[in-house]
Amino acid sequence: MPRAHTFPAARFERFMSQPGDPINVTRFEMIVHTGTHVDAPRHFFLDGPAFDEIPLDRLHGPGLVLRVEVKAGGVIGVKDFERAADRIEPGDIVALDTGWSEKFGTEEYDINPSISVEAAQWLVDRGVTLLACDFATPDLALPLRPPGFNWPVHHVLLSNGLLVCEHLRGVAPLSGKRVEFVFAALNICGSDGAPARVLARPIEQG
């Protein structure tokens, strides 16, 4: 599963196995920010809500899958969101379809696009409740970060209660459509994030 290289890989192992044991039991160990996951404000703020403090209705609802053409290390700006301004409503979830998830397993995947601080504030001002990225992080790609980097996009989004989903997959078939989302994340007590299985279906218009 995709992850920051500073995090250990997920481990899955058989704890009990038939026929020597009466049942089969699998144990896993992983950082909660591995694979498709949702960040809670606690990820960057000690006094921010942990995952079990996020109301369930913040993890599902209507929104838009927005197609954005962007190069490796490119920046998604306010103009990219403004072209869909008439389709993004207060309370919406916005999922980005850049095609980046298809690059997983290649070196280019790590040079992900990011969004600008101004674009992050635009989403906050529009009343968006969750931003889902089909790449590693809405902040500058890890290999491109200067010394002292402080994750400014995460700070803008999470400090305003706008949740962040990273490493999203499979949104391309819904690109350009308004959809109903379900971010089925594990309700981990005190956690700064949680792995999630994300579901979406088109909303019938009219």
N, C-alpha and C. Protein backbone atom coordinates (compact mmCIF):
# COMPACT_ATOMS: atom_id res chain seq x y z
N MET A 1 0.84 -1.19 0.00
CA MET A 1 0.00 0.00 0.00
C MET A 1 0.88 1.24 0.00
N PRO A 2 0.41 2.34 -0.64
CA PRO A 2 1.23 3.55 -0.64
C PRO A 2 1.37 4.13 0.76
N ARG A 3 2.55 4.69 1.01
CA ARG A 3 2.84 5.27 2.32
C ARG A 3 4.02 6.20 2.18
N ALA A 4 4.19 7.10 3.16
CA ALA A 4 5.42 7.89 3.24
C ALA A 4 6.58 6.95 3.55
N HIS A 5 7.71 7.19 2.92
CA HIS A 5 8.84 6.28 3.11
C HIS A 5 9.42 6.35 4.52
N THR A 6 9.03 7.37 5.28
CA THR A 6 9.46 7.46 6.68
C THR A 6 8.63 6.54 7.58
N PHE A 7 7.54 5.98 7.04
CA PHE A 7 6.69 5.05 7.80
C PHE A 7 7.06 3.61 7.45
N PRO A 8 7.01 2.72 8.43
CA PRO A 8 7.26 1.31 8.11
C PRO A 8 6.11 0.73 7.28
N ALA A 9 6.43 -0.30 6.52
CA ALA A 9 5.40 -0.97 5.72
C ALA A 9 4.42 -1.70 6.63
N ALA A 10 3.19 -1.82 6.16
CA ALA A 10 2.19 -2.58 6.89
C ALA A 10 2.62 -4.05 6.98
N ARG A 11 2.29 -4.69 8.09
CA ARG A 11 2.63 -6.10 8.29
C ARG A 11 1.35 -6.90 8.52
N PHE A 12 1.17 -7.95 7.75
CA PHE A 12 0.05 -8.86 7.91
C PHE A 12 0.62 -10.26 8.11
N GLU A 13 0.22 -10.92 9.16
CA GLU A 13 0.75 -12.25 9.41
C GLU A 13 -0.33 -13.13 10.05
N ARG A 14 -0.22 -14.42 9.85
CA ARG A 14 -1.15 -15.37 10.41
C ARG A 14 -0.75 -15.65 11.86
N PHE A 15 -1.62 -15.31 12.79
CA PHE A 15 -1.37 -15.49 14.22
C PHE A 15 -1.76 -16.90 14.66
N MET A 16 -2.86 -17.41 14.10
CA MET A 16 -3.29 -18.79 14.36
C MET A 16 -3.68 -19.41 13.03
N SER A 17 -3.36 -20.69 12.84
CA SER A 17 -3.63 -21.35 11.57
C SER A 17 -4.14 -22.77 11.80
N GLN A 18 -5.16 -23.11 11.04
CA GLN A 18 -5.59 -24.51 11.00
C GLN A 18 -4.60 -25.31 10.13
N PRO A 19 -4.36 -26.57 10.32
CA PRO A 19 -5.11 -27.42 11.27
C PRO A 19 -4.52 -27.47 12.67
N GLY A 20 -3.33 -26.82 12.86
CA GLY A 20 -2.72 -26.87 14.18
C GLY A 20 -3.52 -26.13 15.24
N ASP A 21 -4.24 -25.07 14.81
CA ASP A 21 -5.10 -24.31 15.71
C ASP A 21 -6.55 -24.53 15.30
N PRO A 22 -7.49 -24.29 16.21
CA PRO A 22 -8.90 -24.52 15.88
C PRO A 22 -9.47 -23.50 14.91
N ILE A 23 -8.83 -22.33 14.79
CA ILE A 23 -9.33 -21.26 13.93
C ILE A 23 -8.16 -20.60 13.21
N ASN A 24 -8.49 -19.81 12.18
CA ASN A 24 -7.50 -18.97 11.50
C ASN A 24 -7.67 -17.54 11.98
N VAL A 25 -6.57 -16.90 12.37
CA VAL A 25 -6.61 -15.52 12.87
C VAL A 25 -5.43 -14.77 12.27
N THR A 26 -5.72 -13.61 11.67
CA THR A 26 -4.68 -12.78 11.07
C THR A 26 -4.43 -11.55 11.95
N ARG A 27 -3.17 -11.21 12.11
CA ARG A 27 -2.78 -10.01 12.85
C ARG A 27 -2.18 -9.03 11.87
N PHE A 28 -2.52 -7.72 12.04
CA PHE A 28 -1.86 -6.72 11.20
C PHE A 28 -1.37 -5.56 12.05
N GLU A 29 -0.32 -4.91 11.53
CA GLU A 29 0.29 -3.77 12.20
C GLU A 29 0.60 -2.73 11.13
N MET A 30 0.11 -1.50 11.33
CA MET A 30 0.35 -0.47 10.31
C MET A 30 0.16 0.93 10.88
N ILE A 31 0.84 1.88 10.25
CA ILE A 31 0.60 3.29 10.52
C ILE A 31 -0.78 3.64 9.96
N VAL A 32 -1.56 4.44 10.69
CA VAL A 32 -2.92 4.75 10.23
C VAL A 32 -2.94 5.61 8.97
N HIS A 33 -1.80 6.18 8.60
CA HIS A 33 -1.70 7.01 7.39
C HIS A 33 -1.15 6.21 6.21
N THR A 34 -1.34 4.90 6.23
CA THR A 34 -0.93 4.03 5.14
C THR A 34 -2.13 3.75 4.24
N GLY A 35 -1.90 3.71 2.92
CA GLY A 35 -2.99 3.44 2.00
C GLY A 35 -4.06 4.52 2.05
N THR A 36 -5.24 4.22 1.54
CA THR A 36 -6.33 5.19 1.57
C THR A 36 -6.73 5.43 3.02
N HIS A 37 -6.68 6.70 3.44
CA HIS A 37 -6.97 7.02 4.83
C HIS A 37 -7.49 8.44 4.94
N VAL A 38 -8.04 8.77 6.10
CA VAL A 38 -8.54 10.11 6.38
C VAL A 38 -7.78 10.69 7.57
N ASP A 39 -7.31 11.93 7.41
CA ASP A 39 -6.64 12.64 8.50
C ASP A 39 -7.65 13.33 9.39
N ALA A 40 -7.48 13.20 10.70
CA ALA A 40 -8.24 13.98 11.67
C ALA A 40 -7.44 15.23 12.02
N PRO A 41 -8.08 16.29 12.52
CA PRO A 41 -7.33 17.47 12.95
C PRO A 41 -6.23 17.15 13.96
N ARG A 42 -6.40 16.09 14.75
CA ARG A 42 -5.38 15.71 15.72
C ARG A 42 -4.04 15.40 15.05
N HIS A 43 -4.04 15.15 13.76
CA HIS A 43 -2.81 14.85 13.02
C HIS A 43 -1.80 15.99 13.15
N PHE A 44 -2.29 17.23 13.23
CA PHE A 44 -1.40 18.39 13.32
C PHE A 44 -1.66 19.27 14.54
N PHE A 45 -2.71 18.99 15.29
CA PHE A 45 -3.07 19.84 16.42
C PHE A 45 -3.39 18.97 17.64
N LEU A 46 -2.60 19.12 18.70
CA LEU A 46 -2.81 18.31 19.89
C LEU A 46 -4.19 18.52 20.51
N ASP A 47 -4.74 19.72 20.34
CA ASP A 47 -6.07 19.99 20.90
C ASP A 47 -7.17 19.81 19.86
N GLY A 48 -6.81 19.31 18.69
CA GLY A 48 -7.82 19.09 17.64
C GLY A 48 -8.56 17.79 17.87
N PRO A 49 -9.74 17.63 17.27
CA PRO A 49 -10.50 16.40 17.44
C PRO A 49 -9.73 15.18 16.94
N ALA A 50 -9.76 14.12 17.74
CA ALA A 50 -9.23 12.83 17.31
C ALA A 50 -10.31 12.14 16.48
N PHE A 51 -9.95 10.99 15.91
CA PHE A 51 -10.87 10.40 14.94
C PHE A 51 -12.20 9.99 15.55
N ASP A 52 -12.19 9.51 16.77
CA ASP A 52 -13.45 9.10 17.39
C ASP A 52 -14.33 10.28 17.78
N GLU A 53 -13.79 11.50 17.67
CA GLU A 53 -14.56 12.71 17.98
C GLU A 53 -15.15 13.35 16.74
N ILE A 54 -14.92 12.76 15.57
CA ILE A 54 -15.48 13.27 14.32
C ILE A 54 -16.87 12.66 14.13
N PRO A 55 -17.91 13.47 14.03
CA PRO A 55 -19.25 12.92 13.82
C PRO A 55 -19.32 12.10 12.54
N LEU A 56 -20.09 11.02 12.58
CA LEU A 56 -20.20 10.13 11.43
C LEU A 56 -20.71 10.86 10.20
N ASP A 57 -21.58 11.87 10.40
CA ASP A 57 -22.12 12.57 9.23
C ASP A 57 -21.09 13.44 8.52
N ARG A 58 -19.90 13.60 9.12
CA ARG A 58 -18.82 14.31 8.43
C ARG A 58 -18.10 13.41 7.43
N LEU A 59 -18.38 12.12 7.47
CA LEU A 59 -17.67 11.15 6.63
C LEU A 59 -18.52 10.62 5.49
N HIS A 60 -19.69 11.20 5.30
CA HIS A 60 -20.49 10.84 4.13
C HIS A 60 -21.32 12.04 3.71
N GLY A 61 -21.73 12.01 2.44
CA GLY A 61 -22.55 13.10 1.94
C GLY A 61 -22.27 13.38 0.47
N PRO A 62 -22.91 14.41 -0.05
CA PRO A 62 -22.78 14.73 -1.47
C PRO A 62 -21.48 15.46 -1.78
N GLY A 63 -21.13 15.44 -3.05
CA GLY A 63 -19.95 16.18 -3.46
C GLY A 63 -19.68 16.02 -4.94
N LEU A 64 -18.47 16.38 -5.33
CA LEU A 64 -18.09 16.43 -6.73
C LEU A 64 -16.74 15.75 -6.93
N VAL A 65 -16.64 14.97 -8.00
CA VAL A 65 -15.34 14.45 -8.43
C VAL A 65 -14.83 15.39 -9.52
N LEU A 66 -13.73 16.06 -9.23
CA LEU A 66 -13.20 17.10 -10.11
C LEU A 66 -11.95 16.60 -10.83
N ARG A 67 -12.01 16.57 -12.15
CA ARG A 67 -10.85 16.18 -12.95
C ARG A 67 -9.90 17.36 -13.08
N VAL A 68 -8.62 17.13 -12.77
CA VAL A 68 -7.60 18.16 -12.89
C VAL A 68 -6.39 17.57 -13.60
N GLU A 69 -5.97 18.22 -14.68
CA GLU A 69 -4.76 17.81 -15.40
C GLU A 69 -3.57 18.51 -14.75
N VAL A 70 -2.61 17.75 -14.27
CA VAL A 70 -1.47 18.34 -13.57
C VAL A 70 -0.26 17.43 -13.75
N LYS A 71 0.91 18.07 -13.82
CA LYS A 71 2.16 17.33 -14.02
C LYS A 71 2.79 16.97 -12.67
N ALA A 72 3.81 16.14 -12.72
CA ALA A 72 4.54 15.76 -11.52
C ALA A 72 5.06 17.02 -10.81
N GLY A 73 4.77 17.13 -9.52
CA GLY A 73 5.20 18.29 -8.75
C GLY A 73 4.41 19.55 -9.03
N GLY A 74 3.38 19.47 -9.89
CA GLY A 74 2.58 20.65 -10.22
C GLY A 74 1.68 21.07 -9.07
N VAL A 75 1.18 22.28 -9.18
CA VAL A 75 0.35 22.85 -8.11
C VAL A 75 -1.06 23.10 -8.63
N ILE A 76 -2.04 22.58 -7.93
CA ILE A 76 -3.45 22.82 -8.24
C ILE A 76 -3.86 24.10 -7.54
N GLY A 77 -4.29 25.10 -8.31
CA GLY A 77 -4.55 26.42 -7.76
C GLY A 77 -6.02 26.78 -7.70
N VAL A 78 -6.27 28.00 -7.28
CA VAL A 78 -7.63 28.50 -7.15
C VAL A 78 -8.39 28.40 -8.46
N LYS A 79 -7.74 28.70 -9.59
CA LYS A 79 -8.42 28.66 -10.89
C LYS A 79 -8.97 27.27 -11.20
N ASP A 80 -8.26 26.23 -10.75
CA ASP A 80 -8.72 24.86 -11.00
C ASP A 80 -10.04 24.59 -10.27
N PHE A 81 -10.20 25.18 -9.10
CA PHE A 81 -11.45 25.01 -8.36
C PHE A 81 -12.53 25.98 -8.83
N GLU A 82 -12.11 27.17 -9.22
CA GLU A 82 -13.10 28.18 -9.64
C GLU A 82 -13.87 27.75 -10.89
N ARG A 83 -13.24 26.97 -11.74
CA ARG A 83 -13.96 26.54 -12.95
C ARG A 83 -15.11 25.59 -12.63
N ALA A 84 -15.11 25.07 -11.40
CA ALA A 84 -16.21 24.21 -10.96
C ALA A 84 -17.02 24.87 -9.84
N ALA A 85 -16.84 26.18 -9.68
CA ALA A 85 -17.47 26.88 -8.55
C ALA A 85 -18.99 26.75 -8.55
N ASP A 86 -19.58 26.72 -9.73
CA ASP A 86 -21.04 26.64 -9.80
C ASP A 86 -21.57 25.24 -9.47
N ARG A 87 -20.65 24.28 -9.31
CA ARG A 87 -21.06 22.90 -9.00
C ARG A 87 -20.63 22.46 -7.61
N ILE A 88 -19.85 23.29 -6.91
CA ILE A 88 -19.41 22.97 -5.55
C ILE A 88 -20.28 23.73 -4.57
N GLU A 89 -20.99 23.00 -3.74
CA GLU A 89 -21.96 23.60 -2.82
C GLU A 89 -21.44 23.54 -1.38
N PRO A 90 -21.90 24.45 -0.52
CA PRO A 90 -21.51 24.39 0.90
C PRO A 90 -21.86 23.02 1.48
N GLY A 91 -20.94 22.45 2.24
CA GLY A 91 -21.14 21.13 2.81
C GLY A 91 -20.67 19.99 1.93
N ASP A 92 -20.18 20.31 0.75
CA ASP A 92 -19.74 19.28 -0.20
C ASP A 92 -18.43 18.62 0.21
N ILE A 93 -18.26 17.41 -0.32
CA ILE A 93 -16.97 16.73 -0.36
C ILE A 93 -16.42 16.90 -1.77
N VAL A 94 -15.14 17.22 -1.89
CA VAL A 94 -14.51 17.36 -3.21
C VAL A 94 -13.41 16.31 -3.33
N ALA A 95 -13.53 15.47 -4.37
CA ALA A 95 -12.51 14.46 -4.65
C ALA A 95 -11.79 14.83 -5.93
N LEU A 96 -10.48 14.79 -5.90
CA LEU A 96 -9.66 15.14 -7.06
C LEU A 96 -9.32 13.90 -7.87
N ASP A 97 -9.57 13.99 -9.16
CA ASP A 97 -9.18 12.94 -10.10
C ASP A 97 -8.07 13.48 -10.98
N THR A 98 -6.83 13.18 -10.61
CA THR A 98 -5.67 13.61 -11.41
C THR A 98 -5.06 12.43 -12.16
N GLY A 99 -5.56 11.23 -11.89
CA GLY A 99 -4.98 10.04 -12.47
C GLY A 99 -3.72 9.57 -11.75
N TRP A 100 -3.38 10.23 -10.64
CA TRP A 100 -2.10 9.94 -9.99
C TRP A 100 -2.07 8.56 -9.34
N SER A 101 -3.20 8.07 -8.89
CA SER A 101 -3.20 6.76 -8.24
C SER A 101 -2.73 5.66 -9.18
N GLU A 102 -2.90 5.87 -10.49
CA GLU A 102 -2.46 4.87 -11.47
C GLU A 102 -0.94 4.80 -11.56
N LYS A 103 -0.25 5.79 -10.98
CA LYS A 103 1.21 5.80 -11.03
C LYS A 103 1.84 5.08 -9.84
N PHE A 104 0.99 4.58 -8.91
CA PHE A 104 1.54 3.89 -7.75
C PHE A 104 2.42 2.73 -8.18
N GLY A 105 3.57 2.61 -7.53
CA GLY A 105 4.54 1.59 -7.90
C GLY A 105 5.64 2.11 -8.79
N THR A 106 5.51 3.37 -9.25
CA THR A 106 6.55 4.01 -10.06
C THR A 106 7.20 5.12 -9.24
N GLU A 107 8.38 5.56 -9.67
CA GLU A 107 9.08 6.64 -8.97
C GLU A 107 8.29 7.94 -9.06
N GLU A 108 7.52 8.12 -10.15
CA GLU A 108 6.79 9.37 -10.33
C GLU A 108 5.70 9.56 -9.29
N TYR A 109 5.18 8.46 -8.73
CA TYR A 109 4.10 8.58 -7.75
C TYR A 109 4.52 9.46 -6.58
N ASP A 110 5.81 9.39 -6.21
CA ASP A 110 6.29 10.16 -5.06
C ASP A 110 6.42 11.65 -5.35
N ILE A 111 6.43 12.03 -6.64
CA ILE A 111 6.51 13.46 -6.99
C ILE A 111 5.08 13.93 -7.28
N ASN A 112 4.23 13.78 -6.28
CA ASN A 112 2.80 14.06 -6.46
C ASN A 112 2.52 15.54 -6.66
N PRO A 113 1.39 15.86 -7.29
CA PRO A 113 0.94 17.25 -7.32
C PRO A 113 0.52 17.67 -5.92
N SER A 114 0.32 18.94 -5.75
CA SER A 114 -0.15 19.48 -4.46
C SER A 114 -1.16 20.56 -4.76
N ILE A 115 -1.79 21.10 -3.72
CA ILE A 115 -2.66 22.26 -3.92
C ILE A 115 -2.04 23.46 -3.23
N SER A 116 -2.31 24.62 -3.73
CA SER A 116 -1.74 25.84 -3.14
C SER A 116 -2.45 26.18 -1.84
N VAL A 117 -1.78 26.95 -1.01
CA VAL A 117 -2.39 27.43 0.24
C VAL A 117 -3.64 28.24 -0.07
N GLU A 118 -3.57 29.04 -1.14
CA GLU A 118 -4.73 29.86 -1.53
C GLU A 118 -5.90 28.99 -1.95
N ALA A 119 -5.61 27.89 -2.65
CA ALA A 119 -6.66 26.97 -3.06
C ALA A 119 -7.26 26.27 -1.84
N ALA A 120 -6.42 25.94 -0.87
CA ALA A 120 -6.93 25.34 0.37
C ALA A 120 -7.89 26.29 1.07
N GLN A 121 -7.51 27.57 1.13
CA GLN A 121 -8.39 28.55 1.77
C GLN A 121 -9.67 28.74 0.97
N TRP A 122 -9.59 28.64 -0.34
CA TRP A 122 -10.78 28.75 -1.19
C TRP A 122 -11.77 27.65 -0.83
N LEU A 123 -11.28 26.43 -0.64
CA LEU A 123 -12.16 25.32 -0.26
C LEU A 123 -12.80 25.56 1.10
N VAL A 124 -12.02 26.08 2.03
CA VAL A 124 -12.56 26.42 3.36
C VAL A 124 -13.66 27.46 3.23
N ASP A 125 -13.39 28.50 2.46
CA ASP A 125 -14.35 29.60 2.30
C ASP A 125 -15.63 29.14 1.60
N ARG A 126 -15.53 28.13 0.77
CA ARG A 126 -16.70 27.60 0.07
C ARG A 126 -17.52 26.65 0.93
N GLY A 127 -17.01 26.31 2.11
CA GLY A 127 -17.74 25.42 3.00
C GLY A 127 -17.57 23.95 2.69
N VAL A 128 -16.50 23.59 1.93
CA VAL A 128 -16.21 22.18 1.66
C VAL A 128 -15.84 21.50 2.98
N THR A 129 -16.30 20.27 3.18
CA THR A 129 -16.08 19.58 4.46
C THR A 129 -14.97 18.54 4.41
N LEU A 130 -14.65 18.05 3.21
CA LEU A 130 -13.61 17.03 3.09
C LEU A 130 -12.99 17.14 1.70
N LEU A 131 -11.66 17.07 1.64
CA LEU A 131 -10.93 17.04 0.38
C LEU A 131 -10.28 15.68 0.25
N ALA A 132 -10.58 14.98 -0.84
CA ALA A 132 -10.00 13.66 -1.09
C ALA A 132 -9.05 13.75 -2.28
N CYS A 133 -7.82 13.31 -2.09
CA CYS A 133 -6.78 13.39 -3.12
C CYS A 133 -6.41 11.99 -3.60
N ASP A 134 -6.27 11.84 -4.90
CA ASP A 134 -5.83 10.54 -5.43
C ASP A 134 -4.29 10.49 -5.52
N PHE A 135 -3.66 11.15 -4.57
CA PHE A 135 -2.21 11.15 -4.45
C PHE A 135 -1.86 11.24 -2.96
N ALA A 136 -0.57 11.36 -2.65
CA ALA A 136 -0.10 11.15 -1.28
C ALA A 136 -0.49 12.23 -0.29
N THR A 137 -0.50 13.48 -0.72
CA THR A 137 -0.71 14.58 0.21
C THR A 137 -1.08 15.84 -0.55
N PRO A 138 -1.97 16.68 -0.01
CA PRO A 138 -2.25 17.95 -0.68
C PRO A 138 -1.11 18.96 -0.52
N ASP A 139 -0.17 18.66 0.38
CA ASP A 139 1.01 19.51 0.53
C ASP A 139 2.08 19.13 -0.49
N LEU A 140 3.11 19.92 -0.55
CA LEU A 140 4.22 19.70 -1.48
C LEU A 140 4.76 18.28 -1.33
N ALA A 141 5.08 17.65 -2.46
CA ALA A 141 5.61 16.28 -2.44
C ALA A 141 6.86 16.20 -1.58
N LEU A 142 7.00 15.10 -0.89
CA LEU A 142 8.09 14.91 0.07
C LEU A 142 9.47 15.21 -0.51
N PRO A 143 9.82 14.72 -1.72
CA PRO A 143 11.17 14.99 -2.24
C PRO A 143 11.40 16.46 -2.59
N LEU A 144 10.34 17.27 -2.69
CA LEU A 144 10.48 18.67 -3.10
C LEU A 144 10.46 19.64 -1.92
N ARG A 145 10.33 19.14 -0.72
CA ARG A 145 10.17 20.02 0.43
C ARG A 145 11.49 20.65 0.86
N PRO A 146 11.48 21.96 1.11
CA PRO A 146 12.69 22.63 1.60
C PRO A 146 12.88 22.36 3.08
N PRO A 147 14.06 22.67 3.62
CA PRO A 147 14.28 22.53 5.06
C PRO A 147 13.26 23.38 5.83
N GLY A 148 12.78 22.87 6.93
CA GLY A 148 11.83 23.61 7.75
C GLY A 148 10.41 23.58 7.25
N PHE A 149 10.12 22.72 6.30
CA PHE A 149 8.77 22.63 5.74
C PHE A 149 7.76 22.34 6.86
N ASN A 150 6.61 23.03 6.82
CA ASN A 150 5.64 22.89 7.93
C ASN A 150 4.22 22.55 7.49
N TRP A 151 4.05 21.88 6.34
CA TRP A 151 2.74 21.40 5.91
C TRP A 151 1.66 22.50 5.93
N PRO A 152 1.86 23.60 5.20
CA PRO A 152 0.91 24.72 5.30
C PRO A 152 -0.50 24.38 4.83
N VAL A 153 -0.63 23.51 3.82
CA VAL A 153 -1.97 23.17 3.32
C VAL A 153 -2.75 22.37 4.37
N HIS A 154 -2.10 21.38 4.97
CA HIS A 154 -2.75 20.64 6.05
C HIS A 154 -3.18 21.58 7.18
N HIS A 155 -2.33 22.53 7.52
CA HIS A 155 -2.67 23.45 8.60
C HIS A 155 -3.91 24.27 8.27
N VAL A 156 -4.00 24.77 7.04
CA VAL A 156 -5.18 25.55 6.64
C VAL A 156 -6.43 24.68 6.69
N LEU A 157 -6.36 23.50 6.11
CA LEU A 157 -7.55 22.64 6.01
C LEU A 157 -7.98 22.13 7.38
N LEU A 158 -7.08 21.48 8.09
CA LEU A 158 -7.45 20.82 9.33
C LEU A 158 -7.77 21.81 10.45
N SER A 159 -7.13 22.97 10.45
CA SER A 159 -7.44 23.96 11.49
C SER A 159 -8.85 24.52 11.34
N ASN A 160 -9.40 24.37 10.14
CA ASN A 160 -10.78 24.81 9.88
C ASN A 160 -11.76 23.64 9.84
N GLY A 161 -11.31 22.47 10.29
CA GLY A 161 -12.19 21.32 10.36
C GLY A 161 -12.46 20.65 9.04
N LEU A 162 -11.71 21.01 7.99
CA LEU A 162 -11.87 20.38 6.68
C LEU A 162 -10.99 19.14 6.64
N LEU A 163 -11.62 17.97 6.61
CA LEU A 163 -10.88 16.71 6.68
C LEU A 163 -10.16 16.43 5.38
N VAL A 164 -9.14 15.57 5.44
CA VAL A 164 -8.31 15.26 4.29
C VAL A 164 -8.23 13.76 4.11
N CYS A 165 -8.55 13.30 2.91
CA CYS A 165 -8.35 11.89 2.54
C CYS A 165 -7.18 11.83 1.55
N GLU A 166 -6.27 10.90 1.76
CA GLU A 166 -5.10 10.75 0.90
C GLU A 166 -5.02 9.34 0.32
N HIS A 167 -4.30 9.22 -0.79
CA HIS A 167 -4.13 7.94 -1.49
C HIS A 167 -5.48 7.36 -1.94
N LEU A 168 -6.40 8.21 -2.38
CA LEU A 168 -7.68 7.74 -2.88
C LEU A 168 -7.48 7.00 -4.20
N ARG A 169 -8.31 5.98 -4.44
CA ARG A 169 -8.22 5.22 -5.69
C ARG A 169 -9.60 5.06 -6.30
N GLY A 170 -9.63 4.87 -7.62
CA GLY A 170 -10.84 4.43 -8.29
C GLY A 170 -11.90 5.48 -8.59
N VAL A 171 -11.54 6.78 -8.56
CA VAL A 171 -12.56 7.81 -8.79
C VAL A 171 -12.77 8.15 -10.26
N ALA A 172 -11.87 7.72 -11.13
CA ALA A 172 -11.94 8.12 -12.54
C ALA A 172 -13.29 7.87 -13.20
N PRO A 173 -13.97 6.74 -12.95
CA PRO A 173 -15.26 6.52 -13.60
C PRO A 173 -16.34 7.53 -13.21
N LEU A 174 -16.12 8.24 -12.11
CA LEU A 174 -17.10 9.23 -11.64
C LEU A 174 -16.64 10.66 -11.90
N SER A 175 -15.57 10.82 -12.65
CA SER A 175 -15.01 12.14 -12.90
C SER A 175 -16.03 13.07 -13.53
N GLY A 176 -16.11 14.28 -12.97
CA GLY A 176 -17.02 15.29 -13.49
C GLY A 176 -18.44 15.18 -12.98
N LYS A 177 -18.71 14.18 -12.15
CA LYS A 177 -20.08 13.95 -11.68
C LYS A 177 -20.26 14.37 -10.23
N ARG A 178 -21.50 14.73 -9.91
CA ARG A 178 -21.87 14.88 -8.51
C ARG A 178 -22.21 13.48 -7.99
N VAL A 179 -21.69 13.20 -6.79
CA VAL A 179 -21.83 11.85 -6.24
C VAL A 179 -22.17 11.90 -4.75
N GLU A 180 -22.59 10.77 -4.25
CA GLU A 180 -22.74 10.56 -2.82
C GLU A 180 -21.54 9.74 -2.36
N PHE A 181 -20.83 10.24 -1.34
CA PHE A 181 -19.64 9.57 -0.82
C PHE A 181 -19.91 8.92 0.53
N VAL A 182 -19.19 7.84 0.80
CA VAL A 182 -19.09 7.27 2.14
C VAL A 182 -17.62 6.98 2.39
N PHE A 183 -17.05 7.64 3.40
CA PHE A 183 -15.68 7.39 3.80
C PHE A 183 -15.73 6.48 5.03
N ALA A 184 -15.70 5.18 4.79
CA ALA A 184 -15.89 4.20 5.86
C ALA A 184 -14.56 3.98 6.57
N ALA A 185 -14.22 4.92 7.44
CA ALA A 185 -12.95 4.89 8.17
C ALA A 185 -13.13 4.22 9.53
N LEU A 186 -12.08 3.57 10.00
CA LEU A 186 -12.13 2.93 11.30
C LEU A 186 -12.22 3.98 12.41
N ASN A 187 -13.10 3.76 13.36
CA ASN A 187 -13.32 4.71 14.45
C ASN A 187 -12.33 4.45 15.57
N ILE A 188 -11.08 4.86 15.37
CA ILE A 188 -10.00 4.55 16.30
C ILE A 188 -9.91 5.63 17.38
N CYS A 189 -10.11 5.24 18.61
CA CYS A 189 -10.14 6.18 19.73
C CYS A 189 -8.79 6.89 19.88
N GLY A 190 -8.83 8.23 19.92
CA GLY A 190 -7.63 9.04 20.15
C GLY A 190 -6.71 9.15 18.96
N SER A 191 -7.10 8.62 17.80
CA SER A 191 -6.19 8.56 16.66
C SER A 191 -6.18 9.85 15.84
N ASP A 192 -5.03 10.09 15.20
CA ASP A 192 -4.85 11.25 14.32
C ASP A 192 -5.29 10.96 12.89
N GLY A 193 -5.72 9.75 12.62
CA GLY A 193 -6.19 9.37 11.29
C GLY A 193 -6.71 7.95 11.32
N ALA A 194 -7.24 7.50 10.19
CA ALA A 194 -7.77 6.15 10.13
C ALA A 194 -7.82 5.65 8.70
N PRO A 195 -7.45 4.38 8.47
CA PRO A 195 -7.62 3.81 7.14
C PRO A 195 -9.09 3.74 6.79
N ALA A 196 -9.39 3.88 5.49
CA ALA A 196 -10.79 3.98 5.07
C ALA A 196 -11.02 3.24 3.77
N ARG A 197 -12.20 2.65 3.66
CA ARG A 197 -12.70 2.16 2.39
C ARG A 197 -13.71 3.19 1.91
N VAL A 198 -13.48 3.73 0.74
CA VAL A 198 -14.30 4.84 0.23
C VAL A 198 -15.27 4.33 -0.82
N LEU A 199 -16.53 4.67 -0.64
CA LEU A 199 -17.58 4.30 -1.58
C LEU A 199 -18.19 5.56 -2.17
N ALA A 200 -18.62 5.47 -3.43
CA ALA A 200 -19.27 6.62 -4.06
C ALA A 200 -20.20 6.13 -5.15
N ARG A 201 -21.29 6.87 -5.37
CA ARG A 201 -22.22 6.55 -6.45
C ARG A 201 -22.79 7.85 -7.00
N PRO A 202 -23.12 7.88 -8.28
CA PRO A 202 -23.65 9.12 -8.87
C PRO A 202 -24.96 9.53 -8.22
N ILE A 203 -25.16 10.82 -8.10
CA ILE A 203 -26.43 11.38 -7.64
C ILE A 203 -27.29 11.67 -8.86
N GLU A 204 -28.49 11.18 -8.84
CA GLU A 204 -29.41 11.46 -9.94
C GLU A 204 -29.77 12.95 -9.94
N GLN A 205 -29.57 13.58 -11.07
CA GLN A 205 -29.87 15.01 -11.19
C GLN A 205 -31.32 15.21 -11.58
N GLY A 206 -31.94 16.23 -10.95
CA GLY A 206 -33.32 16.56 -11.28
C GLY A 206 -34.32 15.61 -10.70
